[in-house]
Amino acid sequence: MIESYYKEDCFFLYHGSCLDILKSLPENSVDMIFADPPYNLSNGGFSVHSGRRVNVHKGDWDQSSGIDEDFAFHSSWIKACRRVLKPTGTIWISGTYHSIYQCGFALQMAGYRILNDIAWFKPNASPNIGCRCFSASHETLIWACKEQKAKYTFNYEDMKFGSWGKDFIKKPEKQMRSVWAIKTTPLSEKTVGKHPTQKPLELLNRILQASTKEGDVVLDPFTGSSSAEISAYSLSRSFIGIDNNRQFLNLSIKRFKEVKLMKRELSP
């Protein structure tokens, strides 16, 4: 039995390889998985951040090991996730062209059914400083269910009639489309530290509101700074996060404690 790195209420963080941790979790025990695996794009290139030229190297964990090894890794963790996912559960995977097509093929090879691909459009994305290709201003999210004929959660009414005021693409009382306009992570969500690939809570909140119910168990095998955890807490879901980097897990704990304190102070 693998001991949790951090536990409070229905929130668990584990330190180690996601493959090792996933093996220890019960079969058919998770309602939804959000996975933000390494994009393998740290290749010595440059980008722009806050008006400054910066190296895009995020860490050794984000470097490619070659097409074959990268695909073998994606295939292995996607298969491991399928074992713990409930028959009614779904999985979301985030990525760019460096990784998302491999993940999509691995999902199909493992027997999942792809439901949608979502284009997360970033209105405030960084410009392309090389000026030799189009400026990357979106990431792709794949949403899939475990079985071809699975009955899965999709909160259609919430998506259609909910309030999504910051998204200029979503029209009131119209079906939500597969292109979402959501800005990159604001500084207000990085007050206790930041992760190089941190996702905005607005994105995670929409994902969880679309495909989970109150009390559901959400798993993130590459939890990083745990935006999925913060979203799960705010929406009354349970959470399991896994990461092999203690620094990121400690950041997750700080974020969780900060949000929990804010929630307590705002409660009547």
Protein backbone atom coordinates (compact mmCIF):
# COMPACT_ATOMS: atom_id res chain seq x y z
CA MET A 1 0.00 0.00 0.00
CA ILE A 2 1.47 3.38 -1.04
CA GLU A 3 1.13 6.10 1.59
CA SER A 4 -0.24 9.47 0.58
CA TYR A 5 2.09 12.48 0.52
CA TYR A 6 -0.72 14.69 1.79
CA LYS A 7 -4.26 13.95 2.91
CA GLU A 8 -7.04 16.23 4.11
CA ASP A 9 -10.74 15.46 4.01
CA CYS A 10 -11.34 13.83 0.60
CA PHE A 11 -8.14 15.14 -0.99
CA PHE A 12 -5.12 12.94 -1.54
CA LEU A 13 -1.72 13.75 -3.06
CA TYR A 14 0.78 11.02 -3.93
CA HIS A 15 4.49 11.35 -4.69
CA GLY A 16 5.98 9.03 -7.29
CA SER A 17 5.54 7.66 -10.78
CA CYS A 18 1.95 7.83 -11.97
CA LEU A 19 2.31 4.26 -13.29
CA ASP A 20 3.29 2.96 -9.84
CA ILE A 21 0.59 4.92 -8.01
CA LEU A 22 -2.13 3.98 -10.50
CA LYS A 23 -1.35 0.29 -9.96
CA SER A 24 -2.14 0.71 -6.26
CA LEU A 25 -5.54 2.34 -6.78
CA PRO A 26 -8.71 0.20 -6.88
CA GLU A 27 -10.10 -0.78 -10.26
CA ASN A 28 -13.17 1.18 -11.45
CA SER A 29 -12.86 3.75 -8.64
CA VAL A 30 -12.53 7.13 -10.40
CA ASP A 31 -15.31 9.18 -12.01
CA MET A 32 -13.20 11.57 -14.07
CA ILE A 33 -9.54 11.97 -15.01
CA PHE A 34 -7.92 15.22 -16.03
CA ALA A 35 -4.44 14.64 -17.45
CA ASP A 36 -1.96 17.31 -18.44
CA PRO A 37 1.04 15.13 -19.39
CA PRO A 38 4.42 16.50 -20.48
CA TYR A 39 4.13 18.12 -23.90
CA ASN A 40 7.76 17.26 -24.73
CA LEU A 41 8.37 20.71 -26.22
CA SER A 42 11.40 21.82 -24.19
CA ASN A 43 13.88 21.81 -27.06
CA GLY A 44 16.01 24.88 -26.39
CA GLY A 45 13.69 27.28 -28.20
CA PHE A 46 12.50 30.71 -27.09
CA SER A 47 9.18 32.41 -26.46
CA VAL A 48 7.87 35.70 -25.05
CA HIS A 49 6.59 36.11 -21.49
CA SER A 50 5.51 39.47 -20.04
CA GLY A 51 7.23 41.21 -22.92
CA ARG A 52 10.56 39.44 -22.36
CA ARG A 53 12.34 36.79 -24.42
CA VAL A 54 12.50 33.59 -22.36
CA ASN A 55 13.79 30.05 -22.84
CA VAL A 56 10.94 27.53 -23.16
CA HIS A 57 12.86 24.85 -21.24
CA LYS A 58 10.47 23.88 -18.45
CA GLY A 59 12.50 21.01 -17.03
CA ASP A 60 14.05 17.70 -17.97
CA TRP A 61 10.62 16.09 -17.52
CA ASP A 62 9.38 18.04 -20.56
CA GLN A 63 12.07 16.88 -22.98
CA SER A 64 11.28 14.44 -25.77
CA SER A 65 12.84 10.97 -25.70
CA GLY A 66 12.03 10.41 -29.35
CA ILE A 67 8.76 9.55 -31.07
CA ASP A 68 8.75 5.87 -30.15
CA GLU A 69 9.55 6.33 -26.46
CA ASP A 70 7.19 9.29 -26.11
CA PHE A 71 4.33 7.27 -27.62
CA ALA A 72 5.13 4.23 -25.45
CA PHE A 73 4.93 6.46 -22.35
CA HIS A 74 1.58 7.96 -23.37
CA SER A 75 0.21 4.51 -24.18
CA SER A 76 1.26 3.10 -20.80
CA TRP A 77 -0.26 5.80 -18.59
CA ILE A 78 -3.45 5.98 -20.69
CA LYS A 79 -3.93 2.20 -20.29
CA ALA A 80 -3.24 2.47 -16.55
CA CYS A 81 -5.86 5.22 -16.25
CA ARG A 82 -8.45 3.07 -18.02
CA ARG A 83 -8.18 0.41 -15.31
CA VAL A 84 -9.09 2.81 -12.49
CA LEU A 85 -11.77 4.70 -14.45
CA LYS A 86 -15.36 3.68 -13.77
CA PRO A 87 -17.37 2.31 -16.72
CA THR A 88 -19.35 5.57 -16.60
CA GLY A 89 -16.24 7.73 -16.25
CA THR A 90 -14.51 10.04 -18.71
CA ILE A 91 -10.97 11.31 -19.28
CA TRP A 92 -9.76 14.72 -20.42
CA ILE A 93 -6.26 15.15 -21.85
CA SER A 94 -4.66 18.51 -22.54
CA GLY A 95 -1.84 19.09 -25.01
CA THR A 96 -0.35 20.86 -27.97
CA TYR A 97 0.62 19.41 -31.35
CA HIS A 98 3.83 18.13 -29.70
CA SER A 99 1.85 15.48 -27.77
CA ILE A 100 -1.90 15.54 -28.31
CA TYR A 101 -1.99 13.47 -31.50
CA GLN A 102 -0.02 10.69 -29.84
CA CYS A 103 -2.41 10.81 -26.88
CA GLY A 104 -5.45 10.66 -29.17
CA PHE A 105 -4.11 7.62 -31.02
CA ALA A 106 -3.18 5.94 -27.72
CA LEU A 107 -6.73 6.50 -26.46
CA GLN A 108 -8.19 4.80 -29.52
CA MET A 109 -5.71 1.92 -29.30
CA ALA A 110 -6.67 1.39 -25.63
CA GLY A 111 -10.39 1.11 -26.45
CA TYR A 112 -11.66 4.51 -25.36
CA ARG A 113 -14.29 6.38 -27.38
CA ILE A 114 -13.36 9.97 -28.22
CA LEU A 115 -16.33 12.27 -27.59
CA ASN A 116 -14.91 15.69 -28.47
CA ASP A 117 -11.76 17.60 -29.09
CA ILE A 118 -11.91 21.07 -27.55
CA ALA A 119 -9.89 24.00 -28.85
CA TRP A 120 -8.93 26.12 -25.85
CA PHE A 121 -8.35 29.50 -27.50
CA LYS A 122 -6.12 31.86 -25.51
CA PRO A 123 -6.98 35.49 -26.35
CA ASN A 124 -3.81 36.69 -24.57
CA ALA A 125 -1.39 34.07 -25.92
CA SER A 126 2.28 35.01 -26.41
CA PRO A 127 3.39 36.09 -29.91
CA ASN A 128 5.64 34.01 -32.12
CA ILE A 129 9.06 35.69 -32.07
CA GLY A 130 10.55 33.60 -34.87
CA CYS A 131 7.98 34.92 -37.37
CA ARG A 132 8.35 31.76 -39.46
CA CYS A 133 5.01 30.15 -38.59
CA PHE A 134 1.62 31.04 -37.13
CA SER A 135 1.46 32.23 -33.52
CA ALA A 136 0.34 29.34 -31.30
CA SER A 137 -2.77 30.59 -29.55
CA HIS A 138 -4.61 27.42 -28.52
CA GLU A 139 -4.26 24.06 -26.84
CA THR A 140 -6.32 20.98 -27.62
CA LEU A 141 -8.31 19.01 -25.06
CA ILE A 142 -9.52 15.50 -25.88
CA TRP A 143 -12.58 14.21 -24.01
CA ALA A 144 -13.20 10.46 -24.10
CA CYS A 145 -15.25 7.80 -22.32
CA LYS A 146 -14.05 4.37 -21.28
CA GLU A 147 -16.28 2.20 -23.46
CA GLN A 148 -17.78 2.61 -26.92
CA LYS A 149 -21.36 2.48 -25.58
CA ALA A 150 -20.75 3.90 -22.11
CA LYS A 151 -23.33 6.01 -20.27
CA TYR A 152 -21.27 8.94 -19.08
CA THR A 153 -21.96 12.26 -17.34
CA PHE A 154 -22.52 15.32 -19.47
CA ASN A 155 -24.28 18.23 -17.79
CA TYR A 156 -25.75 19.61 -21.00
CA GLU A 157 -28.17 22.06 -19.38
CA ASP A 158 -25.45 23.56 -17.21
CA MET A 159 -23.24 24.11 -20.24
CA LYS A 160 -26.01 25.61 -22.37
CA PHE A 161 -27.63 27.87 -19.80
CA GLY A 162 -24.72 28.54 -17.42
CA SER A 163 -23.01 31.89 -17.01
CA TRP A 164 -19.78 32.02 -19.02
CA GLY A 165 -19.47 35.78 -19.27
CA LYS A 166 -15.71 35.91 -19.91
CA ASP A 167 -15.98 33.63 -22.94
CA PHE A 168 -17.01 35.84 -25.89
CA ILE A 169 -17.57 32.76 -28.09
CA LYS A 170 -20.32 31.30 -25.88
CA LYS A 171 -23.69 32.82 -26.74
CA PRO A 172 -26.38 32.98 -24.01
CA GLU A 173 -28.79 30.01 -24.01
CA LYS A 174 -27.09 28.45 -27.03
CA GLN A 175 -25.29 25.10 -27.13
CA MET A 176 -21.72 25.29 -25.92
CA ARG A 177 -19.39 24.80 -28.86
CA SER A 178 -16.05 23.02 -28.96
CA VAL A 179 -14.02 26.26 -29.03
CA TRP A 180 -13.57 27.94 -25.65
CA ALA A 181 -12.09 31.42 -25.22
CA ILE A 182 -10.31 31.42 -21.86
CA LYS A 183 -7.30 33.54 -20.95
CA THR A 184 -4.08 32.02 -19.62
CA THR A 185 -3.57 31.62 -15.87
CA PRO A 186 -3.84 35.00 -14.10
CA LEU A 187 -1.29 36.17 -11.53
CA SER A 188 -3.98 35.97 -8.84
CA GLU A 189 -3.71 32.16 -9.08
CA LYS A 190 0.07 32.22 -8.57
CA THR A 191 0.30 34.04 -5.26
CA VAL A 192 2.10 31.18 -3.46
CA GLY A 193 4.23 30.11 -6.43
CA LYS A 194 3.79 29.00 -10.00
CA HIS A 195 4.10 25.93 -12.18
CA PRO A 196 5.45 26.34 -15.74
CA THR A 197 2.36 24.73 -17.28
CA GLN A 198 -0.26 25.81 -14.74
CA LYS A 199 -3.83 25.73 -16.07
CA PRO A 200 -6.38 28.46 -15.22
CA LEU A 201 -9.16 27.59 -12.80
CA GLU A 202 -11.71 28.91 -15.30
CA LEU A 203 -10.73 26.07 -17.64
CA LEU A 204 -10.77 23.37 -14.95
CA ASN A 205 -14.06 24.59 -13.49
CA ARG A 206 -15.74 24.26 -16.87
CA ILE A 207 -14.35 20.76 -17.42
CA LEU A 208 -15.49 19.55 -14.01
CA GLN A 209 -18.89 21.23 -14.28
CA ALA A 210 -19.41 19.60 -17.66
CA SER A 211 -18.55 16.02 -16.79
CA THR A 212 -18.82 15.38 -13.04
CA LYS A 213 -21.40 15.48 -10.26
CA GLU A 214 -21.06 16.61 -6.66
CA GLY A 215 -19.20 13.98 -4.66
CA ASP A 216 -17.47 12.43 -7.69
CA VAL A 217 -13.81 11.38 -7.52
CA VAL A 218 -11.45 13.32 -9.81
CA LEU A 219 -7.93 12.05 -10.60
CA ASP A 220 -4.96 13.96 -12.03
CA PRO A 221 -1.94 11.71 -12.80
CA PHE A 222 0.31 14.74 -13.54
CA THR A 223 -1.07 17.07 -10.92
CA GLY A 224 1.67 19.76 -10.95
CA SER A 225 0.34 22.69 -8.91
CA SER A 226 -3.08 20.98 -8.78
CA SER A 227 -5.47 23.38 -10.48
CA ALA A 228 -7.78 20.37 -10.79
CA GLU A 229 -7.60 19.94 -7.01
CA ILE A 230 -8.59 23.56 -6.36
CA SER A 231 -11.47 23.26 -8.81
CA ALA A 232 -12.60 19.96 -7.26
CA TYR A 233 -12.58 21.52 -3.80
CA SER A 234 -14.65 24.52 -4.91
CA LEU A 235 -17.19 22.24 -6.61
CA SER A 236 -17.43 19.65 -3.78
CA ARG A 237 -15.67 16.81 -5.57
CA SER A 238 -13.05 14.45 -4.12
CA PHE A 239 -9.56 14.54 -5.58
CA ILE A 240 -6.51 12.31 -6.12
CA GLY A 241 -3.35 13.95 -7.43
CA ILE A 242 -0.06 12.30 -8.46
CA ASP A 243 3.30 13.89 -9.25
CA ASN A 244 6.94 12.79 -9.08
CA ASN A 245 8.15 16.28 -8.12
CA ARG A 246 7.99 17.18 -4.42
CA GLN A 247 8.38 20.88 -5.17
CA PHE A 248 5.20 20.87 -7.23
CA LEU A 249 3.33 18.82 -4.61
CA ASN A 250 4.35 21.29 -1.89
CA LEU A 251 3.07 24.09 -4.10
CA SER A 252 -0.22 22.17 -4.47
CA ILE A 253 -0.53 21.97 -0.69
CA LYS A 254 0.09 25.69 -0.30
CA ARG A 255 -2.54 26.49 -2.93
CA PHE A 256 -5.07 24.18 -1.30
CA LYS A 257 -4.53 25.67 2.15
CA GLU A 258 -4.80 29.21 0.75
CA VAL A 259 -8.09 28.48 -1.01
CA LYS A 260 -9.47 26.61 1.99
CA LEU A 261 -8.68 29.58 4.25
CA MET A 262 -10.31 32.01 1.81
CA LYS A 263 -13.41 29.83 1.64
CA ARG A 264 -13.62 29.68 5.43
CA GLU A 265 -13.30 33.47 5.71
CA LEU A 266 -16.05 34.03 3.11
CA SER A 267 -18.49 31.57 4.67
CA PRO A 268 -21.24 33.15 6.81
